[in-house]
Amino acid sequence: MLSIIGKDIETAEDLALIGEGEIAYIRQISSEEVNARFPLEQKLEPGQNLWALFSADGTPIYLSDDRTSTFFRAAEDDLSPATLH
């Protein structure tokens, strides 16, 4: 068993819940990945690089072509952003 910030982690679901409602992550995402991950959404033109804000469990929150706006959105939602590369 793994313990992080005083919480016991036994499953992937436990790990995903750490920081839920407190931490979000921001990463660059291609329009092709958006089209593949969200097939029911309107298709985006290929070749675009976008910025996405995800909750701690990986649920998408916000998508923008402007990196700074994703940080502002995290702040509006009282989330501490972490950038993933």
Protein backbone atom coordinates (compact mmCIF):
# COMPACT_ATOMS: atom_id res chain seq x y z
CA MET A 1 0.00 0.00 0.00
CA LEU A 2 1.14 3.53 -0.79
CA SER A 3 0.48 6.53 1.43
CA ILE A 4 0.46 10.07 0.03
CA ILE A 5 -0.21 13.15 2.14
CA GLY A 6 -1.58 10.95 4.87
CA LYS A 7 -4.00 9.09 2.60
CA ASP A 8 -3.73 5.36 1.96
CA ILE A 9 -3.69 4.49 -1.74
CA GLU A 10 -4.73 0.97 -2.68
CA THR A 11 -6.27 1.39 -6.14
CA ALA A 12 -5.95 3.60 -9.21
CA GLU A 13 -9.30 5.12 -8.24
CA ASP A 14 -7.86 6.12 -4.85
CA LEU A 15 -4.94 7.78 -6.60
CA ALA A 16 -7.26 9.66 -8.97
CA LEU A 17 -9.21 11.09 -6.04
CA ILE A 18 -6.19 12.74 -4.42
CA GLY A 19 -6.67 16.44 -4.88
CA GLU A 20 -10.20 16.10 -6.24
CA GLY A 21 -11.82 19.51 -6.03
CA GLU A 22 -8.48 21.10 -5.09
CA ILE A 23 -5.92 20.27 -7.79
CA ALA A 24 -6.21 20.35 -11.56
CA TYR A 25 -3.65 19.80 -14.25
CA ILE A 26 -2.96 21.72 -17.42
CA ARG A 27 -1.34 20.27 -20.49
CA GLN A 28 -1.04 20.94 -24.16
CA ILE A 29 -3.26 18.78 -26.32
CA SER A 30 -3.53 18.44 -30.09
CA SER A 31 -6.79 18.90 -31.94
CA GLU A 32 -6.37 15.31 -33.18
CA GLU A 33 -6.30 14.05 -29.57
CA VAL A 34 -9.35 16.14 -28.71
CA ASN A 35 -11.20 14.62 -31.68
CA ALA A 36 -10.19 11.09 -30.62
CA ARG A 37 -10.95 11.48 -26.88
CA PHE A 38 -14.24 13.33 -27.33
CA PRO A 39 -15.86 11.82 -30.44
CA LEU A 40 -19.28 13.34 -29.77
CA GLU A 41 -17.97 16.91 -29.75
CA GLN A 42 -17.65 19.08 -32.84
CA LYS A 43 -14.56 18.07 -34.82
CA LEU A 44 -11.63 20.47 -34.71
CA GLU A 45 -9.34 21.27 -37.62
CA PRO A 46 -6.22 19.06 -37.53
CA GLY A 47 -2.85 20.56 -36.63
CA GLN A 48 -3.99 22.80 -33.77
CA ASN A 49 -2.21 22.88 -30.42
CA LEU A 50 -4.58 23.66 -27.57
CA TRP A 51 -4.42 23.83 -23.78
CA ALA A 52 -6.66 21.71 -21.60
CA LEU A 53 -7.56 21.88 -17.91
CA PHE A 54 -8.40 18.54 -16.31
CA SER A 55 -9.63 17.69 -12.82
CA ALA A 56 -7.42 15.52 -10.62
CA ASP A 57 -9.23 12.40 -11.88
CA GLY A 58 -8.70 13.33 -15.54
CA THR A 59 -12.14 14.75 -16.28
CA PRO A 60 -11.83 17.58 -18.83
CA ILE A 61 -12.91 20.98 -17.50
CA TYR A 62 -11.81 23.54 -20.05
CA LEU A 63 -10.21 23.76 -23.50
CA SER A 64 -8.56 26.85 -24.98
CA ASP A 65 -6.01 27.97 -27.53
CA ASP A 66 -4.55 30.26 -24.84
CA ARG A 67 -2.45 28.72 -22.04
CA THR A 68 -2.95 31.68 -19.70
CA SER A 69 -6.73 31.40 -19.82
CA THR A 70 -6.53 27.84 -18.49
CA PHE A 71 -4.75 29.15 -15.38
CA PHE A 72 -7.42 31.83 -14.94
CA ARG A 73 -10.14 29.18 -15.27
CA ALA A 74 -8.45 27.03 -12.62
CA ALA A 75 -8.36 30.06 -10.30
CA GLU A 76 -12.05 30.79 -10.97
CA ASP A 77 -12.83 27.22 -9.91
CA ASP A 78 -10.59 27.49 -6.80
CA LEU A 79 -8.25 24.82 -8.16
CA SER A 80 -4.47 24.72 -7.79
CA PRO A 81 -3.07 24.06 -11.27
CA ALA A 82 -0.18 21.75 -12.03
CA THR A 83 1.38 21.67 -15.48
CA LEU A 84 2.09 18.31 -17.09
CA HIS A 85 4.56 17.88 -19.93
